[in-house]
Amino acid sequence: MLSQLFGYVKGAFTGAVAEKKGIIDEADGGVLFLDEVHCLPAEGQEMLFTLIDKGIYRRMGEYG
């Protein structure tokens, strides 16, 4: 689920053979409605709240 939301870079996990934009990238400038956020793992909730609070996020496997 996290890879779908945030996207990922090549090599982030087994099977990630190319970079992929996530739903958050696709919704840039629009509205993203999320339901059942409590079902995300704790790491995903933290990533989402950082996005809401600071407006920043990283794709899975992205450093810097």
Protein backbone atom coordinates (compact mmCIF):
# COMPACT_ATOMS: atom_id res chain seq x y z
CA MET A 1 0.00 0.00 0.00
CA LEU A 2 2.80 2.43 0.86
CA SER A 3 4.43 1.95 -2.52
CA GLN A 4 1.11 2.82 -4.17
CA LEU A 5 0.67 5.97 -2.08
CA PHE A 6 4.19 7.34 -2.07
CA GLY A 7 5.72 5.69 -5.13
CA TYR A 8 9.17 4.14 -5.19
CA VAL A 9 12.58 4.27 -6.80
CA LYS A 10 14.32 1.50 -8.69
CA GLY A 11 15.75 -1.07 -6.28
CA ALA A 12 13.60 -0.01 -3.31
CA PHE A 13 12.41 -3.60 -2.90
CA THR A 14 12.40 -6.88 -4.80
CA GLY A 15 10.54 -6.31 -8.03
CA ALA A 16 11.07 -2.54 -8.15
CA VAL A 17 12.81 -2.54 -11.52
CA ALA A 18 11.90 1.05 -12.42
CA GLU A 19 10.90 4.29 -10.70
CA LYS A 20 7.15 4.69 -10.19
CA LYS A 21 5.10 7.73 -9.21
CA GLY A 22 2.64 7.24 -6.39
CA ILE A 23 -0.94 8.37 -5.96
CA ILE A 24 0.28 11.42 -4.02
CA ASP A 25 2.32 12.55 -7.05
CA GLU A 26 -0.66 12.00 -9.31
CA ALA A 27 -2.93 14.09 -7.05
CA ASP A 28 -0.52 17.05 -6.94
CA GLY A 29 -2.63 20.19 -7.22
CA GLY A 30 -5.83 18.25 -6.65
CA VAL A 31 -7.64 16.52 -3.82
CA LEU A 32 -6.60 13.19 -2.37
CA PHE A 33 -9.25 11.52 -0.23
CA LEU A 34 -7.92 8.86 2.12
CA ASP A 35 -10.12 6.61 4.22
CA GLU A 36 -9.12 4.01 6.79
CA VAL A 37 -5.73 5.64 7.45
CA HIS A 38 -5.58 3.74 10.73
CA CYS A 39 -5.12 0.54 8.69
CA LEU A 40 -1.73 1.75 7.44
CA PRO A 41 1.32 0.45 9.30
CA ALA A 42 2.80 2.87 11.84
CA GLU A 43 5.58 3.82 9.40
CA GLY A 44 3.02 4.72 6.75
CA GLN A 45 0.97 6.81 9.17
CA GLU A 46 4.11 8.70 10.16
CA MET A 47 4.99 9.32 6.50
CA LEU A 48 1.47 10.55 5.80
CA PHE A 49 1.39 12.87 8.82
CA THR A 50 4.79 14.32 7.82
CA LEU A 51 3.30 15.07 4.41
CA ILE A 52 0.29 16.76 5.98
CA ASP A 53 2.33 18.66 8.57
CA LYS A 54 5.38 19.72 6.54
CA GLY A 55 4.31 19.14 2.95
CA ILE A 56 7.24 16.83 2.24
CA TYR A 57 7.63 13.14 1.59
CA ARG A 58 10.02 10.67 -0.01
CA ARG A 59 9.30 7.80 -2.31
CA MET A 60 10.09 4.38 -0.92
CA GLY A 61 13.82 3.74 -1.23
CA GLU A 62 14.60 7.43 -1.73
CA TYR A 63 17.22 8.98 0.53
CA GLY A 64 18.39 12.50 1.07
